[in-house]
Amino acid sequence: MDKEKLIKKDDFTSEETWRIFRIMGEFVDGFEVLSKVGKAVSIFGSARLTPTDKYYKLAEETAYLLAKAGYAVITGGGPGIMEAGNSGAKRAGGHSIGLNIQIPTEQKANEYIDTLLDFRYFFVRKVMFVKYAKAFVIFPGGYGTLDELFESLNLIQTQRIDNFPVVLVGSDYWQGLISWIKDTVLARYCISPSDLNIFKIVDKSEDVVRIIKKFYANSKK
């Protein structure tokens, strides 16, 4: 596919009226498909991590356990951690979902997806991740992963969505960020101490599942 046809440089400065219909179409397709999924967990992480990386293997095992616990697994549909999540869910016989995004590098959907949706607009895709997830599980990743992490924290903090588990996997990867949040952001009173309770950090797949199960057992949701 021609990259210029896929995403034009002036995408947000022309054809505004017709763009509204494209956006509406993406929302309708997403709502129709994902509303039938049932309880699900969204898994995020870098597209660049290979199957030999410890976090790829950990993501695959986590998705496997989540699927065995009755959760569908939603990922961004691409390679790396996303592939690992879909692979683990499929291996467990669970529902493996990919929300692929059209970008200039043409992210190719991985082979382990049962239900695939393609999105042109990041913000529509992000709504789907949040709306149909009972939890976010965040593995090491780059700007896209951080974007999903902080949006979920902000939505919960501002009570725009109901509280749900946000689990960071990999203390060695996340510790520097968390230290900065505590030592700088909290110290400057830019967040409240209670805001640190919105997320948990773990290193084992079993702990991810335990946190999610405990949350819903206590909340009766």
N, C-alpha and C. Protein backbone atom coordinates (compact mmCIF):
# COMPACT_ATOMS: atom_id res chain seq x y z
N MET A 1 0.84 -1.20 0.00
CA MET A 1 0.00 0.00 0.00
C MET A 1 0.88 1.25 0.00
N ASP A 2 0.52 2.25 -0.83
CA ASP A 2 1.27 3.49 -0.91
C ASP A 2 1.15 4.25 0.41
N LYS A 3 2.29 4.58 1.00
CA LYS A 3 2.28 5.26 2.30
C LYS A 3 1.57 6.61 2.22
N GLU A 4 1.70 7.31 1.07
CA GLU A 4 1.05 8.60 0.95
C GLU A 4 -0.46 8.47 0.93
N LYS A 5 -0.94 7.34 0.41
CA LYS A 5 -2.39 7.10 0.43
C LYS A 5 -2.85 6.68 1.81
N LEU A 6 -1.97 5.98 2.53
CA LEU A 6 -2.33 5.49 3.86
C LEU A 6 -2.50 6.63 4.85
N ILE A 7 -1.52 7.50 4.90
CA ILE A 7 -1.57 8.64 5.82
C ILE A 7 -1.00 9.86 5.12
N LYS A 8 -1.82 10.83 4.85
CA LYS A 8 -1.36 12.06 4.22
C LYS A 8 -0.79 13.00 5.27
N LYS A 9 0.14 13.82 4.83
CA LYS A 9 0.78 14.74 5.78
C LYS A 9 -0.22 15.74 6.34
N ASP A 10 -1.22 16.11 5.52
CA ASP A 10 -2.21 17.11 5.97
C ASP A 10 -3.49 16.43 6.45
N ASP A 11 -3.36 15.22 7.00
CA ASP A 11 -4.53 14.42 7.36
C ASP A 11 -5.50 15.14 8.27
N PHE A 12 -5.01 16.03 9.14
CA PHE A 12 -5.89 16.69 10.10
C PHE A 12 -6.21 18.14 9.70
N THR A 13 -5.90 18.51 8.45
CA THR A 13 -6.17 19.88 8.04
C THR A 13 -7.01 19.95 6.77
N SER A 14 -7.54 18.82 6.29
CA SER A 14 -8.37 18.81 5.10
C SER A 14 -9.43 17.73 5.21
N GLU A 15 -10.50 17.89 4.41
CA GLU A 15 -11.57 16.91 4.33
C GLU A 15 -12.19 16.62 5.70
N GLU A 16 -12.36 17.67 6.52
CA GLU A 16 -12.85 17.45 7.88
C GLU A 16 -14.22 16.79 7.92
N THR A 17 -15.12 17.19 7.02
CA THR A 17 -16.48 16.65 7.06
C THR A 17 -16.50 15.16 6.80
N TRP A 18 -15.79 14.70 5.77
CA TRP A 18 -15.77 13.28 5.45
C TRP A 18 -15.00 12.50 6.49
N ARG A 19 -14.02 13.13 7.11
CA ARG A 19 -13.25 12.45 8.14
C ARG A 19 -14.15 12.05 9.31
N ILE A 20 -15.15 12.86 9.61
CA ILE A 20 -16.09 12.54 10.68
C ILE A 20 -16.77 11.20 10.42
N PHE A 21 -17.14 10.95 9.18
CA PHE A 21 -17.80 9.69 8.84
C PHE A 21 -16.84 8.51 8.97
N ARG A 22 -15.58 8.71 8.62
CA ARG A 22 -14.60 7.64 8.79
C ARG A 22 -14.41 7.32 10.27
N ILE A 23 -14.34 8.37 11.08
CA ILE A 23 -14.20 8.18 12.52
C ILE A 23 -15.41 7.45 13.09
N MET A 24 -16.60 7.88 12.68
CA MET A 24 -17.83 7.23 13.14
C MET A 24 -17.83 5.75 12.75
N GLY A 25 -17.37 5.48 11.53
CA GLY A 25 -17.34 4.10 11.06
C GLY A 25 -16.42 3.23 11.90
N GLU A 26 -15.28 3.77 12.29
CA GLU A 26 -14.35 3.02 13.13
C GLU A 26 -14.95 2.75 14.51
N PHE A 27 -15.62 3.74 15.06
CA PHE A 27 -16.27 3.54 16.36
C PHE A 27 -17.36 2.47 16.26
N VAL A 28 -18.19 2.54 15.22
CA VAL A 28 -19.28 1.58 15.06
C VAL A 28 -18.74 0.17 14.91
N ASP A 29 -17.75 0.00 14.05
CA ASP A 29 -17.16 -1.33 13.85
C ASP A 29 -16.58 -1.88 15.15
N GLY A 30 -15.84 -1.03 15.86
CA GLY A 30 -15.23 -1.45 17.11
C GLY A 30 -16.27 -1.84 18.16
N PHE A 31 -17.29 -1.00 18.31
CA PHE A 31 -18.33 -1.28 19.30
C PHE A 31 -19.08 -2.57 18.96
N GLU A 32 -19.41 -2.77 17.70
CA GLU A 32 -20.18 -3.95 17.30
C GLU A 32 -19.41 -5.24 17.56
N VAL A 33 -18.13 -5.23 17.24
CA VAL A 33 -17.32 -6.45 17.39
C VAL A 33 -16.96 -6.71 18.84
N LEU A 34 -16.47 -5.68 19.53
CA LEU A 34 -15.92 -5.90 20.88
C LEU A 34 -17.00 -6.01 21.95
N SER A 35 -18.18 -5.52 21.69
CA SER A 35 -19.26 -5.63 22.68
C SER A 35 -19.66 -7.08 22.92
N LYS A 36 -19.28 -7.97 22.01
CA LYS A 36 -19.63 -9.38 22.13
C LYS A 36 -18.53 -10.22 22.77
N VAL A 37 -17.43 -9.58 23.13
CA VAL A 37 -16.26 -10.31 23.59
C VAL A 37 -16.40 -10.85 25.01
N GLY A 38 -17.08 -10.12 25.88
CA GLY A 38 -17.13 -10.49 27.30
C GLY A 38 -15.94 -9.89 28.03
N LYS A 39 -15.58 -10.45 29.16
CA LYS A 39 -14.52 -9.85 29.95
C LYS A 39 -13.17 -10.07 29.25
N ALA A 40 -12.36 -9.01 29.27
CA ALA A 40 -11.08 -9.05 28.56
C ALA A 40 -10.04 -8.23 29.29
N VAL A 41 -8.79 -8.48 28.97
CA VAL A 41 -7.66 -7.74 29.52
C VAL A 41 -6.84 -7.22 28.35
N SER A 42 -6.46 -5.95 28.41
CA SER A 42 -5.60 -5.36 27.38
C SER A 42 -4.15 -5.46 27.80
N ILE A 43 -3.31 -5.98 26.90
CA ILE A 43 -1.88 -6.12 27.15
C ILE A 43 -1.11 -5.19 26.23
N PHE A 44 -0.18 -4.43 26.81
CA PHE A 44 0.62 -3.46 26.05
C PHE A 44 2.10 -3.74 26.24
N GLY A 45 2.89 -3.31 25.27
CA GLY A 45 4.34 -3.45 25.36
C GLY A 45 4.99 -3.20 24.02
N SER A 46 6.29 -3.20 24.01
CA SER A 46 7.06 -2.84 22.82
C SER A 46 6.86 -3.80 21.66
N ALA A 47 6.77 -3.23 20.46
CA ALA A 47 6.74 -4.04 19.24
C ALA A 47 8.12 -4.54 18.87
N ARG A 48 9.15 -4.05 19.55
CA ARG A 48 10.53 -4.33 19.15
C ARG A 48 11.16 -5.51 19.89
N LEU A 49 10.51 -6.01 20.90
CA LEU A 49 11.09 -7.12 21.66
C LEU A 49 10.86 -8.44 20.94
N THR A 50 11.91 -9.23 20.85
CA THR A 50 11.87 -10.47 20.09
C THR A 50 11.49 -11.66 20.98
N PRO A 51 11.17 -12.80 20.37
CA PRO A 51 10.81 -13.99 21.16
C PRO A 51 11.89 -14.47 22.11
N THR A 52 13.13 -14.02 21.93
CA THR A 52 14.19 -14.42 22.85
C THR A 52 14.26 -13.53 24.09
N ASP A 53 13.54 -12.42 24.08
CA ASP A 53 13.56 -11.49 25.21
C ASP A 53 12.74 -12.05 26.37
N LYS A 54 13.23 -11.83 27.58
CA LYS A 54 12.53 -12.40 28.75
C LYS A 54 11.12 -11.84 28.90
N TYR A 55 10.92 -10.59 28.47
CA TYR A 55 9.59 -10.00 28.62
C TYR A 55 8.61 -10.52 27.57
N TYR A 56 9.11 -10.89 26.42
CA TYR A 56 8.26 -11.55 25.43
C TYR A 56 7.72 -12.85 26.03
N LYS A 57 8.62 -13.63 26.60
CA LYS A 57 8.22 -14.91 27.19
C LYS A 57 7.28 -14.70 28.36
N LEU A 58 7.53 -13.67 29.15
CA LEU A 58 6.68 -13.38 30.30
C LEU A 58 5.29 -12.92 29.85
N ALA A 59 5.24 -12.14 28.78
CA ALA A 59 3.95 -11.69 28.25
C ALA A 59 3.14 -12.86 27.70
N GLU A 60 3.82 -13.78 27.03
CA GLU A 60 3.14 -14.95 26.49
C GLU A 60 2.56 -15.80 27.62
N GLU A 61 3.32 -16.01 28.67
CA GLU A 61 2.85 -16.80 29.80
C GLU A 61 1.71 -16.09 30.54
N THR A 62 1.81 -14.77 30.68
CA THR A 62 0.76 -14.00 31.34
C THR A 62 -0.55 -14.11 30.57
N ALA A 63 -0.48 -13.95 29.26
CA ALA A 63 -1.68 -14.06 28.43
C ALA A 63 -2.28 -15.46 28.51
N TYR A 64 -1.41 -16.45 28.56
CA TYR A 64 -1.87 -17.84 28.68
C TYR A 64 -2.68 -18.02 29.97
N LEU A 65 -2.15 -17.53 31.08
CA LEU A 65 -2.83 -17.67 32.36
C LEU A 65 -4.13 -16.86 32.40
N LEU A 66 -4.12 -15.68 31.80
CA LEU A 66 -5.34 -14.86 31.76
C LEU A 66 -6.43 -15.56 30.95
N ALA A 67 -6.02 -16.14 29.83
CA ALA A 67 -7.00 -16.86 29.00
C ALA A 67 -7.55 -18.07 29.75
N LYS A 68 -6.70 -18.78 30.47
CA LYS A 68 -7.14 -19.92 31.26
C LYS A 68 -8.10 -19.48 32.37
N ALA A 69 -7.93 -18.23 32.82
CA ALA A 69 -8.81 -17.69 33.87
C ALA A 69 -10.11 -17.14 33.30
N GLY A 70 -10.29 -17.24 31.99
CA GLY A 70 -11.55 -16.85 31.38
C GLY A 70 -11.58 -15.48 30.73
N TYR A 71 -10.41 -14.86 30.60
CA TYR A 71 -10.35 -13.53 29.99
C TYR A 71 -9.94 -13.61 28.52
N ALA A 72 -10.60 -12.84 27.69
CA ALA A 72 -10.09 -12.61 26.34
C ALA A 72 -8.88 -11.69 26.46
N VAL A 73 -7.96 -11.77 25.52
CA VAL A 73 -6.76 -10.95 25.54
C VAL A 73 -6.78 -10.00 24.34
N ILE A 74 -6.67 -8.71 24.63
CA ILE A 74 -6.64 -7.68 23.59
C ILE A 74 -5.24 -7.10 23.51
N THR A 75 -4.67 -7.02 22.32
CA THR A 75 -3.38 -6.36 22.12
C THR A 75 -3.49 -5.40 20.94
N GLY A 76 -2.38 -4.71 20.67
CA GLY A 76 -2.33 -3.81 19.53
C GLY A 76 -2.17 -4.53 18.21
N GLY A 77 -2.08 -5.86 18.24
CA GLY A 77 -2.13 -6.65 17.04
C GLY A 77 -0.83 -6.84 16.27
N GLY A 78 0.23 -6.17 16.69
CA GLY A 78 1.48 -6.22 15.95
C GLY A 78 2.47 -7.24 16.49
N PRO A 79 3.77 -7.00 16.26
CA PRO A 79 4.81 -7.91 16.73
C PRO A 79 5.20 -7.64 18.18
N GLY A 80 6.28 -8.28 18.63
CA GLY A 80 6.81 -8.03 19.97
C GLY A 80 5.89 -8.51 21.06
N ILE A 81 5.70 -7.67 22.06
CA ILE A 81 4.84 -8.01 23.20
C ILE A 81 3.42 -8.28 22.75
N MET A 82 2.97 -7.55 21.74
CA MET A 82 1.61 -7.77 21.23
C MET A 82 1.47 -9.19 20.68
N GLU A 83 2.43 -9.61 19.91
CA GLU A 83 2.44 -10.98 19.39
C GLU A 83 2.47 -12.00 20.52
N ALA A 84 3.30 -11.74 21.51
CA ALA A 84 3.40 -12.64 22.65
C ALA A 84 2.05 -12.80 23.35
N GLY A 85 1.35 -11.68 23.55
CA GLY A 85 0.04 -11.73 24.19
C GLY A 85 -0.96 -12.54 23.40
N ASN A 86 -1.02 -12.30 22.11
CA ASN A 86 -1.94 -13.06 21.26
C ASN A 86 -1.56 -14.53 21.19
N SER A 87 -0.27 -14.81 21.15
CA SER A 87 0.20 -16.19 21.10
C SER A 87 -0.18 -16.96 22.36
N GLY A 88 0.04 -16.33 23.53
CA GLY A 88 -0.30 -16.99 24.79
C GLY A 88 -1.78 -17.27 24.93
N ALA A 89 -2.61 -16.29 24.51
CA ALA A 89 -4.05 -16.47 24.59
C ALA A 89 -4.52 -17.60 23.68
N LYS A 90 -3.98 -17.62 22.47
CA LYS A 90 -4.39 -18.65 21.51
C LYS A 90 -3.95 -20.04 21.97
N ARG A 91 -2.75 -20.12 22.54
CA ARG A 91 -2.24 -21.41 23.03
C ARG A 91 -3.13 -21.96 24.14
N ALA A 92 -3.72 -21.06 24.92
CA ALA A 92 -4.60 -21.48 26.02
C ALA A 92 -6.02 -21.77 25.56
N GLY A 93 -6.30 -21.54 24.28
CA GLY A 93 -7.65 -21.74 23.78
C GLY A 93 -8.57 -20.58 24.08
N GLY A 94 -8.00 -19.42 24.44
CA GLY A 94 -8.79 -18.24 24.72
C GLY A 94 -9.04 -17.41 23.47
N HIS A 95 -9.78 -16.33 23.65
CA HIS A 95 -10.09 -15.42 22.53
C HIS A 95 -8.95 -14.42 22.40
N SER A 96 -8.30 -14.42 21.24
CA SER A 96 -7.14 -13.57 20.98
C SER A 96 -7.54 -12.45 20.02
N ILE A 97 -7.44 -11.20 20.49
CA ILE A 97 -7.94 -10.04 19.74
C ILE A 97 -6.80 -9.08 19.43
N GLY A 98 -6.78 -8.56 18.22
CA GLY A 98 -5.77 -7.59 17.83
C GLY A 98 -6.40 -6.33 17.29
N LEU A 99 -6.02 -5.19 17.83
CA LEU A 99 -6.49 -3.89 17.35
C LEU A 99 -5.33 -3.23 16.61
N ASN A 100 -5.21 -3.54 15.36
CA ASN A 100 -4.08 -3.08 14.56
C ASN A 100 -4.23 -1.61 14.19
N ILE A 101 -3.11 -0.94 13.95
CA ILE A 101 -3.13 0.48 13.61
C ILE A 101 -2.42 0.70 12.28
N GLN A 102 -3.00 1.55 11.44
CA GLN A 102 -2.39 1.90 10.17
C GLN A 102 -1.41 3.05 10.40
N ILE A 103 -0.14 2.76 10.23
CA ILE A 103 0.92 3.75 10.40
C ILE A 103 1.86 3.67 9.21
N PRO A 104 2.70 4.69 8.99
CA PRO A 104 3.58 4.69 7.81
C PRO A 104 4.47 3.47 7.69
N THR A 105 4.86 2.87 8.82
CA THR A 105 5.70 1.66 8.77
C THR A 105 4.89 0.41 8.49
N GLU A 106 3.56 0.57 8.32
CA GLU A 106 2.66 -0.53 7.98
C GLU A 106 2.82 -1.73 8.92
N GLN A 107 2.41 -1.51 10.16
CA GLN A 107 2.47 -2.58 11.14
C GLN A 107 1.66 -3.79 10.65
N LYS A 108 2.31 -4.92 10.57
CA LYS A 108 1.66 -6.14 10.10
C LYS A 108 1.08 -6.90 11.29
N ALA A 109 -0.19 -7.29 11.16
CA ALA A 109 -0.84 -8.03 12.23
C ALA A 109 -0.17 -9.40 12.40
N ASN A 110 -0.02 -9.81 13.66
CA ASN A 110 0.62 -11.11 13.91
C ASN A 110 -0.34 -12.26 13.61
N GLU A 111 0.19 -13.46 13.55
CA GLU A 111 -0.56 -14.63 13.09
C GLU A 111 -1.42 -15.29 14.16
N TYR A 112 -1.40 -14.78 15.38
CA TYR A 112 -2.09 -15.46 16.48
C TYR A 112 -3.42 -14.82 16.84
N ILE A 113 -3.94 -14.00 15.97
CA ILE A 113 -5.15 -13.24 16.25
C ILE A 113 -6.39 -13.97 15.73
N ASP A 114 -7.41 -14.08 16.59
CA ASP A 114 -8.70 -14.64 16.17
C ASP A 114 -9.61 -13.55 15.60
N THR A 115 -9.65 -12.41 16.28
CA THR A 115 -10.49 -11.29 15.86
C THR A 115 -9.60 -10.08 15.62
N LEU A 116 -9.60 -9.58 14.39
CA LEU A 116 -8.72 -8.47 14.02
C LEU A 116 -9.55 -7.26 13.60
N LEU A 117 -9.22 -6.12 14.18
CA LEU A 117 -9.79 -4.84 13.76
C LEU A 117 -8.66 -3.91 13.36
N ASP A 118 -8.83 -3.22 12.25
CA ASP A 118 -7.83 -2.25 11.79
C ASP A 118 -8.34 -0.84 12.03
N PHE A 119 -7.45 0.01 12.56
CA PHE A 119 -7.82 1.40 12.85
C PHE A 119 -6.89 2.37 12.13
N ARG A 120 -7.48 3.44 11.65
CA ARG A 120 -6.70 4.53 11.07
C ARG A 120 -6.35 5.56 12.15
N TYR A 121 -7.25 5.70 13.13
CA TYR A 121 -7.12 6.76 14.13
C TYR A 121 -6.72 6.19 15.49
N PHE A 122 -5.62 6.69 16.02
CA PHE A 122 -5.13 6.23 17.31
C PHE A 122 -6.17 6.43 18.42
N PHE A 123 -6.85 7.58 18.41
CA PHE A 123 -7.74 7.88 19.52
C PHE A 123 -8.96 6.96 19.54
N VAL A 124 -9.42 6.52 18.38
CA VAL A 124 -10.53 5.57 18.35
C VAL A 124 -10.06 4.22 18.91
N ARG A 125 -8.90 3.81 18.46
CA ARG A 125 -8.31 2.55 18.95
C ARG A 125 -8.13 2.56 20.46
N LYS A 126 -7.68 3.70 21.00
CA LYS A 126 -7.45 3.80 22.44
C LYS A 126 -8.75 3.68 23.23
N VAL A 127 -9.83 4.21 22.67
CA VAL A 127 -11.13 4.06 23.33
C VAL A 127 -11.50 2.57 23.45
N MET A 128 -11.22 1.81 22.41
CA MET A 128 -11.56 0.39 22.42
C MET A 128 -10.75 -0.37 23.48
N PHE A 129 -9.47 -0.03 23.61
CA PHE A 129 -8.65 -0.67 24.63
C PHE A 129 -9.23 -0.47 26.02
N VAL A 130 -9.69 0.75 26.29
CA VAL A 130 -10.19 1.08 27.63
C VAL A 130 -11.59 0.54 27.86
N LYS A 131 -12.45 0.76 26.89
CA LYS A 131 -13.89 0.46 27.07
C LYS A 131 -14.15 -1.01 27.34
N TYR A 132 -13.37 -1.88 26.70
CA TYR A 132 -13.68 -3.30 26.78
C TYR A 132 -12.68 -4.10 27.61
N ALA A 133 -11.88 -3.42 28.42
CA ALA A 133 -10.89 -4.10 29.25
C ALA A 133 -11.28 -4.07 30.72
N LYS A 134 -11.07 -5.18 31.39
CA LYS A 134 -11.23 -5.26 32.83
C LYS A 134 -9.94 -4.91 33.55
N ALA A 135 -8.83 -4.85 32.80
CA ALA A 135 -7.54 -4.50 33.39
C ALA A 135 -6.58 -4.15 32.25
N PHE A 136 -5.56 -3.36 32.58
CA PHE A 136 -4.44 -3.09 31.69
C PHE A 136 -3.21 -3.78 32.27
N VAL A 137 -2.50 -4.51 31.43
CA VAL A 137 -1.23 -5.12 31.83
C VAL A 137 -0.16 -4.51 30.94
N ILE A 138 0.79 -3.80 31.56
CA ILE A 138 1.75 -2.99 30.82
C ILE A 138 3.15 -3.61 30.94
N PHE A 139 3.66 -4.09 29.84
CA PHE A 139 5.03 -4.61 29.78
C PHE A 139 5.96 -3.51 29.28
N PRO A 140 7.28 -3.71 29.37
CA PRO A 140 8.22 -2.70 28.89
C PRO A 140 7.92 -2.29 27.45
N GLY A 141 7.96 -0.98 27.23
CA GLY A 141 7.68 -0.46 25.90
C GLY A 141 8.12 0.98 25.76
N GLY A 142 7.85 1.55 24.60
CA GLY A 142 8.28 2.90 24.29
C GLY A 142 7.17 3.92 24.43
N TYR A 143 7.18 4.91 23.55
CA TYR A 143 6.24 6.02 23.66
C TYR A 143 4.77 5.56 23.60
N GLY A 144 4.47 4.62 22.70
CA GLY A 144 3.09 4.15 22.60
C GLY A 144 2.61 3.48 23.86
N THR A 145 3.47 2.66 24.44
CA THR A 145 3.13 1.98 25.69
C THR A 145 2.96 2.99 26.83
N LEU A 146 3.86 3.96 26.89
CA LEU A 146 3.76 5.00 27.93
C LEU A 146 2.49 5.82 27.76
N ASP A 147 2.12 6.07 26.52
CA ASP A 147 0.90 6.82 26.23
C ASP A 147 -0.31 6.09 26.80
N GLU A 148 -0.40 4.79 26.53
CA GLU A 148 -1.52 4.01 27.05
C GLU A 148 -1.50 3.96 28.58
N LEU A 149 -0.32 3.82 29.16
CA LEU A 149 -0.20 3.77 30.61
C LEU A 149 -0.72 5.06 31.24
N PHE A 150 -0.19 6.20 30.80
CA PHE A 150 -0.55 7.45 31.46
C PHE A 150 -1.97 7.89 31.16
N GLU A 151 -2.50 7.53 29.99
CA GLU A 151 -3.90 7.84 29.75
C GLU A 151 -4.79 7.07 30.70
N SER A 152 -4.49 5.79 30.92
CA SER A 152 -5.31 5.00 31.83
C SER A 152 -5.23 5.55 33.25
N LEU A 153 -4.02 5.92 33.69
CA LEU A 153 -3.86 6.49 35.04
C LEU A 153 -4.64 7.79 35.17
N ASN A 154 -4.60 8.63 34.14
CA ASN A 154 -5.30 9.91 34.18
C ASN A 154 -6.81 9.72 34.19
N LEU A 155 -7.32 8.79 33.39
CA LEU A 155 -8.75 8.55 33.35
C LEU A 155 -9.28 8.02 34.68
N ILE A 156 -8.49 7.16 35.31
CA ILE A 156 -8.89 6.65 36.63
C ILE A 156 -8.79 7.75 37.69
N GLN A 157 -7.69 8.49 37.66
CA GLN A 157 -7.47 9.56 38.63
C GLN A 157 -8.60 10.59 38.59
N THR A 158 -9.03 10.96 37.39
CA THR A 158 -10.06 11.99 37.22
C THR A 158 -11.47 11.41 37.24
N GLN A 159 -11.58 10.10 37.48
CA GLN A 159 -12.85 9.40 37.58
C GLN A 159 -13.68 9.50 36.30
N ARG A 160 -12.98 9.57 35.18
CA ARG A 160 -13.67 9.53 33.90
C ARG A 160 -14.06 8.11 33.53
N ILE A 161 -13.37 7.14 34.13
CA ILE A 161 -13.74 5.74 33.98
C ILE A 161 -13.71 5.10 35.36
N ASP A 162 -14.36 3.97 35.50
CA ASP A 162 -14.32 3.24 36.76
C ASP A 162 -12.90 2.74 37.01
N ASN A 163 -12.53 2.66 38.27
CA ASN A 163 -11.23 2.13 38.63
C ASN A 163 -11.11 0.67 38.17
N PHE A 164 -9.96 0.31 37.65
CA PHE A 164 -9.68 -1.07 37.30
C PHE A 164 -8.18 -1.31 37.44
N PRO A 165 -7.74 -2.57 37.51
CA PRO A 165 -6.31 -2.84 37.75
C PRO A 165 -5.43 -2.36 36.60
N VAL A 166 -4.37 -1.64 36.95
CA VAL A 166 -3.31 -1.29 36.01
C VAL A 166 -2.04 -1.92 36.57
N VAL A 167 -1.53 -2.92 35.88
CA VAL A 167 -0.41 -3.71 36.40
C VAL A 167 0.81 -3.53 35.50
N LEU A 168 1.88 -3.02 36.08
CA LEU A 168 3.15 -2.89 35.36
C LEU A 168 3.97 -4.14 35.61
N VAL A 169 4.49 -4.74 34.55
CA VAL A 169 5.28 -5.96 34.68
C VAL A 169 6.75 -5.65 34.40
N GLY A 170 7.61 -5.97 35.38
CA GLY A 170 9.04 -5.75 35.20
C GLY A 170 9.58 -4.62 36.06
N SER A 171 9.84 -4.90 37.33
CA SER A 171 10.29 -3.85 38.25
C SER A 171 11.61 -3.24 37.81
N ASP A 172 12.50 -4.03 37.20
CA ASP A 172 13.78 -3.47 36.77
C ASP A 172 13.61 -2.45 35.66
N TYR A 173 12.58 -2.62 34.83
CA TYR A 173 12.33 -1.68 33.75
C TYR A 173 11.61 -0.42 34.26
N TRP A 174 10.64 -0.59 35.12
CA TRP A 174 9.77 0.52 35.53
C TRP A 174 10.26 1.29 36.74
N GLN A 175 11.24 0.75 37.48
CA GLN A 175 11.60 1.35 38.75
C GLN A 175 12.09 2.79 38.62
N GLY A 176 12.87 3.07 37.58
CA GLY A 176 13.37 4.44 37.40
C GLY A 176 12.24 5.43 37.21
N LEU A 177 11.25 5.06 36.41
CA LEU A 177 10.10 5.93 36.18
C LEU A 177 9.31 6.13 37.47
N ILE A 178 9.08 5.06 38.20
CA ILE A 178 8.30 5.16 39.43
C ILE A 178 9.04 5.99 40.48
N SER A 179 10.35 5.84 40.54
CA SER A 179 11.14 6.66 41.47
C SER A 179 11.02 8.13 41.13
N TRP A 180 11.05 8.45 39.84
CA TRP A 180 10.90 9.85 39.42
C TRP A 180 9.51 10.38 39.78
N ILE A 181 8.48 9.57 39.58
CA ILE A 181 7.13 9.99 39.94
C ILE A 181 7.04 10.30 41.43
N LYS A 182 7.65 9.43 42.24
CA LYS A 182 7.59 9.63 43.68
C LYS A 182 8.46 10.81 44.13
N ASP A 183 9.70 10.86 43.62
CA ASP A 183 10.67 11.83 44.11
C ASP A 183 10.48 13.22 43.52
N THR A 184 9.86 13.30 42.36
CA THR A 184 9.70 14.60 41.70
C THR A 184 8.24 15.01 41.58
N VAL A 185 7.43 14.18 40.93
CA VAL A 185 6.04 14.55 40.69
C VAL A 185 5.26 14.64 42.00
N LEU A 186 5.37 13.62 42.84
CA LEU A 186 4.69 13.65 44.13
C LEU A 186 5.29 14.70 45.05
N ALA A 187 6.61 14.80 45.05
CA ALA A 187 7.29 15.76 45.93
C ALA A 187 6.90 17.20 45.60
N ARG A 188 6.57 17.44 44.36
CA ARG A 188 6.14 18.78 43.94
C ARG A 188 4.63 18.97 44.08
N TYR A 189 3.98 18.01 44.68
CA TYR A 189 2.53 18.04 44.91
C TYR A 189 1.73 18.10 43.61
N CYS A 190 2.30 17.54 42.55
CA CYS A 190 1.57 17.49 41.28
C CYS A 190 0.60 16.33 41.21
N ILE A 191 0.77 15.36 42.10
CA ILE A 191 -0.21 14.28 42.30
C ILE A 191 -0.37 14.09 43.80
N SER A 192 -1.39 13.34 44.17
CA SER A 192 -1.63 13.02 45.57
C SER A 192 -1.01 11.67 45.91
N PRO A 193 -0.68 11.43 47.18
CA PRO A 193 -0.14 10.11 47.56
C PRO A 193 -1.04 8.96 47.15
N SER A 194 -2.35 9.17 47.20
CA SER A 194 -3.28 8.10 46.82
C SER A 194 -3.20 7.74 45.34
N ASP A 195 -2.69 8.67 44.53
CA ASP A 195 -2.57 8.39 43.10
C ASP A 195 -1.55 7.29 42.80
N LEU A 196 -0.66 7.06 43.74
CA LEU A 196 0.32 5.99 43.56
C LEU A 196 -0.31 4.60 43.72
N ASN A 197 -1.53 4.58 44.25
CA ASN A 197 -2.21 3.30 44.45
C ASN A 197 -2.97 2.84 43.21
N ILE A 198 -3.00 3.67 42.18
CA ILE A 198 -3.76 3.32 40.98
C ILE A 198 -3.13 2.14 40.25
N PHE A 199 -1.81 1.99 40.39
CA PHE A 199 -1.12 0.92 39.66
C PHE A 199 -0.33 0.03 40.62
N LYS A 200 -0.01 -1.17 40.13
CA LYS A 200 0.82 -2.11 40.87
C LYS A 200 2.00 -2.52 39.99
N ILE A 201 3.10 -2.94 40.61
CA ILE A 201 4.26 -3.45 39.88
C ILE A 201 4.53 -4.88 40.31
N VAL A 202 4.69 -5.77 39.33
CA VAL A 202 4.96 -7.17 39.63
C VAL A 202 6.04 -7.69 38.68
N ASP A 203 6.52 -8.89 38.98
CA ASP A 203 7.53 -9.52 38.13
C ASP A 203 7.13 -10.91 37.66
N LYS A 204 5.99 -11.41 38.14
CA LYS A 204 5.57 -12.76 37.79
C LYS A 204 4.18 -12.76 37.16
N SER A 205 4.00 -13.67 36.21
CA SER A 205 2.71 -13.79 35.55
C SER A 205 1.59 -14.12 36.54
N GLU A 206 1.90 -14.99 37.47
CA GLU A 206 0.89 -15.40 38.46
C GLU A 206 0.40 -14.21 39.28
N ASP A 207 1.28 -13.25 39.53
CA ASP A 207 0.89 -12.09 40.32
C ASP A 207 -0.05 -11.17 39.54
N VAL A 208 0.13 -11.12 38.23
CA VAL A 208 -0.79 -10.33 37.40
C VAL A 208 -2.21 -10.88 37.55
N VAL A 209 -2.35 -12.17 37.38
CA VAL A 209 -3.66 -12.81 37.47
C VAL A 209 -4.23 -12.68 38.87
N ARG A 210 -3.39 -12.84 39.87
CA ARG A 210 -3.84 -12.73 41.26
C ARG A 210 -4.40 -11.35 41.56
N ILE A 211 -3.72 -10.31 41.12
CA ILE A 211 -4.17 -8.94 41.37
C ILE A 211 -5.52 -8.68 40.72
N ILE A 212 -5.67 -9.14 39.48
CA ILE A 212 -6.94 -8.91 38.77
C ILE A 212 -8.07 -9.68 39.43
N LYS A 213 -7.84 -10.93 39.77
CA LYS A 213 -8.88 -11.74 40.42
C LYS A 213 -9.27 -11.15 41.77
N LYS A 214 -8.26 -10.71 42.54
CA LYS A 214 -8.54 -10.14 43.87
C LYS A 214 -9.33 -8.86 43.76
N PHE A 215 -9.00 -8.03 42.78
CA PHE A 215 -9.71 -6.76 42.59
C PHE A 215 -11.20 -7.00 42.37
N TYR A 216 -11.53 -7.94 41.48
CA TYR A 216 -12.93 -8.16 41.16
C TYR A 216 -13.65 -8.99 42.20
N ALA A 217 -12.91 -9.80 42.93
CA ALA A 217 -13.53 -10.51 44.05
C ALA A 217 -13.95 -9.52 45.14
N ASN A 218 -13.11 -8.51 45.35
CA ASN A 218 -13.41 -7.50 46.38
C ASN A 218 -14.47 -6.51 45.93
N SER A 219 -14.46 -6.17 44.64
CA SER A 219 -15.39 -5.15 44.15
C SER A 219 -16.73 -5.72 43.72
N LYS A 220 -16.76 -7.06 43.54
CA LYS A 220 -18.00 -7.76 43.11
C LYS A 220 -18.46 -7.29 41.73
N LYS A 221 -17.50 -6.82 40.89
CA LYS A 221 -17.87 -6.36 39.54
C LYS A 221 -17.74 -7.49 38.55
